[in-house]
Amino acid sequence: MAVHLRVDGHFVENAEWHASQERYRRFVEGMEREPAVLLELGVGWNTPGIVRFPFEALARATNTPLVRLNYDDARLPEGVPGVGLQGDIAELWPLIASAAGKGEQ
């Protein structure tokens, strides 16, 4: 058994990882044709280069809104379209779902 961390050039790049990477690539390419929203739930500062920074860059590059829910730090940098909602996701999510169901913006 080994800890699932980057210790060599392969990290977690097994067949499932490569299939997921392909699905993500197709999603990003599809953002040019179909409206999208990037939803980031509880991503903190432990490994920001894995999700947080790439989502910010993708939102900025494609002008796609990023909705960031985070207990400690939900701020979006200048130039990133979207909204940061700080608090407990268990409390925030019902408000978002309710607003989405009503077609509110």
N, C-alpha and C. Protein backbone atom coordinates (compact mmCIF):
# COMPACT_ATOMS: atom_id res chain seq x y z
N MET A 1 0.85 -1.16 0.00
CA MET A 1 0.00 0.00 0.00
C MET A 1 0.90 1.23 0.00
N ALA A 2 0.46 2.27 -0.75
CA ALA A 2 1.22 3.52 -0.81
C ALA A 2 0.26 4.69 -0.72
N VAL A 3 0.74 5.78 -0.17
CA VAL A 3 -0.04 7.01 -0.10
C VAL A 3 -0.25 7.52 -1.52
N HIS A 4 -1.44 8.01 -1.80
CA HIS A 4 -1.82 8.46 -3.14
C HIS A 4 -1.38 9.90 -3.35
N LEU A 5 -0.08 10.12 -3.42
CA LEU A 5 0.50 11.45 -3.63
C LEU A 5 1.48 11.39 -4.79
N ARG A 6 1.81 12.57 -5.31
CA ARG A 6 2.79 12.62 -6.39
C ARG A 6 4.17 12.26 -5.81
N VAL A 7 4.67 11.12 -6.24
CA VAL A 7 6.00 10.70 -5.83
C VAL A 7 6.86 10.36 -7.03
N ASP A 8 6.24 10.35 -8.20
CA ASP A 8 6.97 10.11 -9.43
C ASP A 8 6.24 10.83 -10.56
N GLY A 9 6.59 10.57 -11.79
CA GLY A 9 5.97 11.26 -12.91
C GLY A 9 4.57 10.81 -13.24
N HIS A 10 4.04 9.83 -12.52
CA HIS A 10 2.73 9.27 -12.88
C HIS A 10 1.61 9.68 -11.94
N PHE A 11 1.88 10.07 -10.73
CA PHE A 11 0.88 10.50 -9.76
C PHE A 11 -0.25 9.49 -9.74
N VAL A 12 -1.44 9.86 -10.13
CA VAL A 12 -2.59 8.94 -10.15
C VAL A 12 -3.06 8.72 -11.59
N GLU A 13 -2.13 8.75 -12.53
CA GLU A 13 -2.48 8.70 -13.94
C GLU A 13 -2.70 7.27 -14.43
N ASN A 14 -3.75 6.65 -13.91
CA ASN A 14 -4.12 5.31 -14.37
C ASN A 14 -5.15 5.45 -15.50
N ALA A 15 -5.74 4.37 -15.94
CA ALA A 15 -6.70 4.40 -17.04
C ALA A 15 -7.91 5.28 -16.71
N GLU A 16 -8.39 5.21 -15.48
CA GLU A 16 -9.53 6.05 -15.09
C GLU A 16 -9.18 7.52 -15.15
N TRP A 17 -7.98 7.86 -14.72
CA TRP A 17 -7.55 9.25 -14.76
C TRP A 17 -7.52 9.76 -16.20
N HIS A 18 -6.97 8.96 -17.11
CA HIS A 18 -6.89 9.38 -18.51
C HIS A 18 -8.28 9.51 -19.13
N ALA A 19 -9.20 8.63 -18.80
CA ALA A 19 -10.58 8.74 -19.29
C ALA A 19 -11.23 10.02 -18.77
N SER A 20 -11.00 10.33 -17.50
CA SER A 20 -11.54 11.56 -16.91
C SER A 20 -10.94 12.79 -17.57
N GLN A 21 -9.66 12.74 -17.84
CA GLN A 21 -8.99 13.86 -18.50
C GLN A 21 -9.60 14.10 -19.88
N GLU A 22 -9.90 13.06 -20.60
CA GLU A 22 -10.53 13.19 -21.92
C GLU A 22 -11.93 13.80 -21.81
N ARG A 23 -12.71 13.35 -20.83
CA ARG A 23 -14.05 13.93 -20.62
C ARG A 23 -13.95 15.41 -20.27
N TYR A 24 -12.98 15.76 -19.44
CA TYR A 24 -12.79 17.16 -19.06
C TYR A 24 -12.38 17.99 -20.28
N ARG A 25 -11.48 17.45 -21.11
CA ARG A 25 -11.05 18.16 -22.31
C ARG A 25 -12.24 18.45 -23.22
N ARG A 26 -13.11 17.44 -23.41
CA ARG A 26 -14.31 17.63 -24.25
C ARG A 26 -15.25 18.66 -23.62
N PHE A 27 -15.40 18.66 -22.31
CA PHE A 27 -16.22 19.64 -21.62
C PHE A 27 -15.70 21.05 -21.88
N VAL A 28 -14.40 21.24 -21.71
CA VAL A 28 -13.82 22.57 -21.91
C VAL A 28 -14.00 23.02 -23.35
N GLU A 29 -13.77 22.14 -24.29
CA GLU A 29 -13.97 22.50 -25.70
C GLU A 29 -15.43 22.83 -25.97
N GLY A 30 -16.35 22.15 -25.32
CA GLY A 30 -17.78 22.39 -25.51
C GLY A 30 -18.25 23.70 -24.91
N MET A 31 -17.46 24.29 -24.03
CA MET A 31 -17.86 25.55 -23.40
C MET A 31 -17.99 26.66 -24.43
N GLU A 32 -17.33 26.52 -25.56
CA GLU A 32 -17.43 27.53 -26.61
C GLU A 32 -18.80 27.46 -27.30
N ARG A 33 -19.45 26.30 -27.27
CA ARG A 33 -20.72 26.10 -27.97
C ARG A 33 -21.93 26.12 -27.05
N GLU A 34 -21.76 25.70 -25.81
CA GLU A 34 -22.87 25.57 -24.87
C GLU A 34 -22.60 26.39 -23.62
N PRO A 35 -23.62 27.03 -23.08
CA PRO A 35 -23.41 27.77 -21.82
C PRO A 35 -22.99 26.83 -20.70
N ALA A 36 -22.17 27.33 -19.81
CA ALA A 36 -21.68 26.51 -18.70
C ALA A 36 -21.50 27.37 -17.47
N VAL A 37 -21.41 26.72 -16.34
CA VAL A 37 -21.08 27.34 -15.07
C VAL A 37 -20.07 26.43 -14.40
N LEU A 38 -19.02 26.99 -13.85
CA LEU A 38 -18.05 26.22 -13.08
C LEU A 38 -18.47 26.28 -11.62
N LEU A 39 -18.74 25.14 -11.04
CA LEU A 39 -19.18 25.05 -9.66
C LEU A 39 -18.07 24.43 -8.83
N GLU A 40 -17.57 25.21 -7.88
CA GLU A 40 -16.45 24.78 -7.04
C GLU A 40 -16.93 24.67 -5.60
N LEU A 41 -16.93 23.47 -5.06
CA LEU A 41 -17.47 23.21 -3.73
C LEU A 41 -16.36 22.86 -2.75
N GLY A 42 -16.08 23.75 -1.84
CA GLY A 42 -15.17 23.45 -0.73
C GLY A 42 -13.73 23.25 -1.09
N VAL A 43 -13.25 23.88 -2.15
CA VAL A 43 -11.85 23.74 -2.53
C VAL A 43 -11.06 24.83 -1.82
N GLY A 44 -10.13 24.42 -1.01
CA GLY A 44 -9.36 25.38 -0.21
C GLY A 44 -7.97 25.61 -0.74
N TRP A 45 -7.07 25.83 0.19
CA TRP A 45 -5.70 26.22 -0.16
C TRP A 45 -4.68 25.09 0.03
N ASN A 46 -5.14 23.87 0.27
CA ASN A 46 -4.20 22.76 0.44
C ASN A 46 -3.44 22.48 -0.86
N THR A 47 -4.15 22.38 -1.96
CA THR A 47 -3.54 22.15 -3.27
C THR A 47 -4.26 23.02 -4.30
N PRO A 48 -4.10 24.35 -4.23
CA PRO A 48 -4.86 25.24 -5.12
C PRO A 48 -4.54 25.06 -6.59
N GLY A 49 -3.41 24.49 -6.91
CA GLY A 49 -3.04 24.29 -8.32
C GLY A 49 -3.81 23.17 -8.99
N ILE A 50 -4.53 22.37 -8.22
CA ILE A 50 -5.28 21.25 -8.79
C ILE A 50 -6.66 21.70 -9.29
N VAL A 51 -7.39 22.50 -8.52
CA VAL A 51 -8.73 22.92 -8.93
C VAL A 51 -8.88 24.44 -8.88
N ARG A 52 -8.53 25.05 -7.78
CA ARG A 52 -8.82 26.47 -7.56
C ARG A 52 -8.22 27.37 -8.66
N PHE A 53 -6.92 27.32 -8.86
CA PHE A 53 -6.29 28.18 -9.86
C PHE A 53 -6.70 27.81 -11.29
N PRO A 54 -6.76 26.53 -11.64
CA PRO A 54 -7.22 26.21 -13.00
C PRO A 54 -8.65 26.67 -13.29
N PHE A 55 -9.55 26.56 -12.30
CA PHE A 55 -10.92 27.04 -12.51
C PHE A 55 -10.94 28.56 -12.70
N GLU A 56 -10.14 29.27 -11.91
CA GLU A 56 -10.07 30.72 -12.08
C GLU A 56 -9.58 31.08 -13.48
N ALA A 57 -8.54 30.40 -13.94
CA ALA A 57 -7.99 30.67 -15.27
C ALA A 57 -8.99 30.32 -16.36
N LEU A 58 -9.69 29.19 -16.21
CA LEU A 58 -10.67 28.78 -17.20
C LEU A 58 -11.84 29.75 -17.24
N ALA A 59 -12.31 30.17 -16.08
CA ALA A 59 -13.42 31.14 -16.02
C ALA A 59 -13.02 32.44 -16.71
N ARG A 60 -11.82 32.90 -16.41
CA ARG A 60 -11.33 34.15 -16.99
C ARG A 60 -11.17 34.01 -18.51
N ALA A 61 -10.57 32.92 -18.97
CA ALA A 61 -10.29 32.74 -20.40
C ALA A 61 -11.55 32.56 -21.24
N THR A 62 -12.58 31.95 -20.67
CA THR A 62 -13.79 31.65 -21.44
C THR A 62 -14.97 32.54 -21.07
N ASN A 63 -14.75 33.45 -20.11
CA ASN A 63 -15.82 34.30 -19.59
C ASN A 63 -17.00 33.47 -19.08
N THR A 64 -16.67 32.35 -18.46
CA THR A 64 -17.66 31.45 -17.87
C THR A 64 -17.76 31.74 -16.38
N PRO A 65 -18.97 31.90 -15.84
CA PRO A 65 -19.07 32.20 -14.42
C PRO A 65 -18.59 31.05 -13.53
N LEU A 66 -17.87 31.43 -12.51
CA LEU A 66 -17.40 30.49 -11.48
C LEU A 66 -18.21 30.75 -10.22
N VAL A 67 -18.85 29.73 -9.70
CA VAL A 67 -19.57 29.82 -8.43
C VAL A 67 -18.74 29.05 -7.42
N ARG A 68 -18.16 29.78 -6.48
CA ARG A 68 -17.26 29.18 -5.49
C ARG A 68 -17.94 29.20 -4.12
N LEU A 69 -18.17 28.03 -3.56
CA LEU A 69 -18.69 27.89 -2.21
C LEU A 69 -17.56 27.39 -1.33
N ASN A 70 -17.26 28.15 -0.28
CA ASN A 70 -16.15 27.77 0.57
C ASN A 70 -16.40 28.28 1.98
N TYR A 71 -16.09 27.47 2.95
CA TYR A 71 -16.32 27.82 4.35
C TYR A 71 -15.40 28.95 4.80
N ASP A 72 -14.13 28.91 4.35
CA ASP A 72 -13.14 29.86 4.85
C ASP A 72 -12.82 31.01 3.90
N ASP A 73 -12.74 30.73 2.61
CA ASP A 73 -12.28 31.76 1.67
C ASP A 73 -12.93 31.54 0.31
N ALA A 74 -13.98 32.28 0.03
CA ALA A 74 -14.71 32.13 -1.22
C ALA A 74 -14.42 33.27 -2.20
N ARG A 75 -13.46 34.10 -1.89
CA ARG A 75 -13.17 35.26 -2.75
C ARG A 75 -12.76 34.82 -4.16
N LEU A 76 -13.18 35.63 -5.14
CA LEU A 76 -12.74 35.45 -6.52
C LEU A 76 -11.78 36.60 -6.85
N PRO A 77 -10.69 36.30 -7.52
CA PRO A 77 -9.77 37.37 -7.90
C PRO A 77 -10.41 38.32 -8.90
N GLU A 78 -9.88 39.50 -8.97
CA GLU A 78 -10.32 40.50 -9.95
C GLU A 78 -10.24 39.90 -11.35
N GLY A 79 -11.27 40.11 -12.13
CA GLY A 79 -11.29 39.64 -13.50
C GLY A 79 -11.87 38.26 -13.70
N VAL A 80 -12.20 37.57 -12.61
CA VAL A 80 -12.82 36.25 -12.72
C VAL A 80 -14.33 36.44 -12.60
N PRO A 81 -15.08 36.09 -13.66
CA PRO A 81 -16.53 36.26 -13.59
C PRO A 81 -17.16 35.25 -12.64
N GLY A 82 -18.15 35.67 -11.89
CA GLY A 82 -18.85 34.74 -11.01
C GLY A 82 -19.08 35.33 -9.64
N VAL A 83 -19.27 34.42 -8.70
CA VAL A 83 -19.59 34.83 -7.34
C VAL A 83 -18.95 33.84 -6.35
N GLY A 84 -18.49 34.38 -5.23
CA GLY A 84 -17.98 33.56 -4.15
C GLY A 84 -18.93 33.64 -2.98
N LEU A 85 -19.36 32.50 -2.49
CA LEU A 85 -20.29 32.44 -1.36
C LEU A 85 -19.58 31.76 -0.20
N GLN A 86 -19.37 32.52 0.85
CA GLN A 86 -18.63 31.99 1.99
C GLN A 86 -19.58 31.52 3.06
N GLY A 87 -19.35 30.31 3.55
CA GLY A 87 -20.15 29.74 4.62
C GLY A 87 -20.21 28.24 4.50
N ASP A 88 -21.07 27.66 5.29
CA ASP A 88 -21.27 26.22 5.33
C ASP A 88 -22.08 25.78 4.11
N ILE A 89 -21.54 24.88 3.31
CA ILE A 89 -22.22 24.42 2.10
C ILE A 89 -23.58 23.83 2.43
N ALA A 90 -23.69 23.16 3.56
CA ALA A 90 -24.98 22.57 3.96
C ALA A 90 -26.05 23.64 4.14
N GLU A 91 -25.64 24.85 4.49
CA GLU A 91 -26.59 25.95 4.64
C GLU A 91 -26.77 26.72 3.33
N LEU A 92 -25.70 26.86 2.55
CA LEU A 92 -25.76 27.62 1.31
C LEU A 92 -26.48 26.88 0.19
N TRP A 93 -26.25 25.58 0.09
CA TRP A 93 -26.78 24.82 -1.04
C TRP A 93 -28.31 24.90 -1.16
N PRO A 94 -29.08 24.73 -0.09
CA PRO A 94 -30.54 24.85 -0.24
C PRO A 94 -30.97 26.21 -0.78
N LEU A 95 -30.27 27.28 -0.42
CA LEU A 95 -30.59 28.61 -0.94
C LEU A 95 -30.33 28.69 -2.44
N ILE A 96 -29.21 28.12 -2.87
CA ILE A 96 -28.86 28.12 -4.29
C ILE A 96 -29.85 27.28 -5.07
N ALA A 97 -30.15 26.09 -4.57
CA ALA A 97 -31.08 25.19 -5.26
C ALA A 97 -32.47 25.82 -5.37
N SER A 98 -32.89 26.49 -4.32
CA SER A 98 -34.20 27.13 -4.32
C SER A 98 -34.24 28.26 -5.36
N ALA A 99 -33.19 29.08 -5.39
CA ALA A 99 -33.11 30.17 -6.35
C ALA A 99 -33.06 29.64 -7.77
N ALA A 100 -32.30 28.57 -7.99
CA ALA A 100 -32.20 27.99 -9.33
C ALA A 100 -33.54 27.43 -9.80
N GLY A 101 -34.27 26.85 -8.89
CA GLY A 101 -35.58 26.29 -9.23
C GLY A 101 -36.59 27.35 -9.58
N LYS A 102 -36.38 28.57 -9.09
CA LYS A 102 -37.29 29.68 -9.37
C LYS A 102 -36.83 30.50 -10.56
N GLY A 103 -35.67 30.14 -11.13
CA GLY A 103 -35.14 30.88 -12.25
C GLY A 103 -34.54 32.22 -11.87
N GLU A 104 -34.18 32.39 -10.59
CA GLU A 104 -33.60 33.64 -10.14
C GLU A 104 -32.15 33.72 -10.54
N GLN A 105 -31.66 34.93 -10.62
CA GLN A 105 -30.27 35.15 -11.00
C GLN A 105 -29.49 35.65 -9.81
